[in-house]
Amino acid sequence: MSCRVILAFSSEKNIENFADVLDRHGITVNCRCRTGQDVIAAIQETGSGVAICGPDFPDMAAEDLPLWVDEPSAFLILGTEQEISDCGAANIFTMSMPVKGGELSGAVMTLIQLVDRKARLLSRAILKDDELTITKAQNVLMKKTRITEDQAMEYIRRKSMETSAKMAEVAAVILKTLG
């Protein structure tokens, strides 16, 4: 699954120009934004994103965007040397203008790969945490109710289906209740 590519500039003309450049290099722009809040919402909606943007929006500075986004993301800020000289927060990358289409598309492709890799690693870590929670709940059920491992797993599965909750959520409740 590839992350969302977002173009975000205060000027509609800049959005159109950069969208054309990226399209010519095979990169699809999924969302076009004019404010920082729109960028944040677009990334949160899909769970990850690469935003190509100018240094400032009407509602915030682009370098503040990572402070508001927990999802795997990267921000490529385009501007003059003076405009981008102070941008140095985590997940922020800069390119000075003017920029060549090939350089821009290469940078965006690299950031897409970086964000996709972060998202994969994060999902694996969450899965490992869920597996650990389920295993702990199984052990608690086996110890407290004197049932087998298979019976404990079946109990967690059944409660998960009955409540339309994830197995890890059911396991967490079991740990909280019995553990």
Foldseek 3Di string as FASTA:
>chain_A
DWAAEEEEELDPVVVVVLCVLLVVVPDHHPYYYQALVVVQVRCVVGQEYEYEYEQDHPVGGPLCSVVRHPGQYAYEYEEACVSCVPRDDPRYHYDYPPDDSVVVNVVVVVRRVVSVVVNVVVVVVVVVVLVVLLVVLLVLCCVPVVDDSVVSNVVLVVVCVVVVHDSSVSSVVSVVVRD
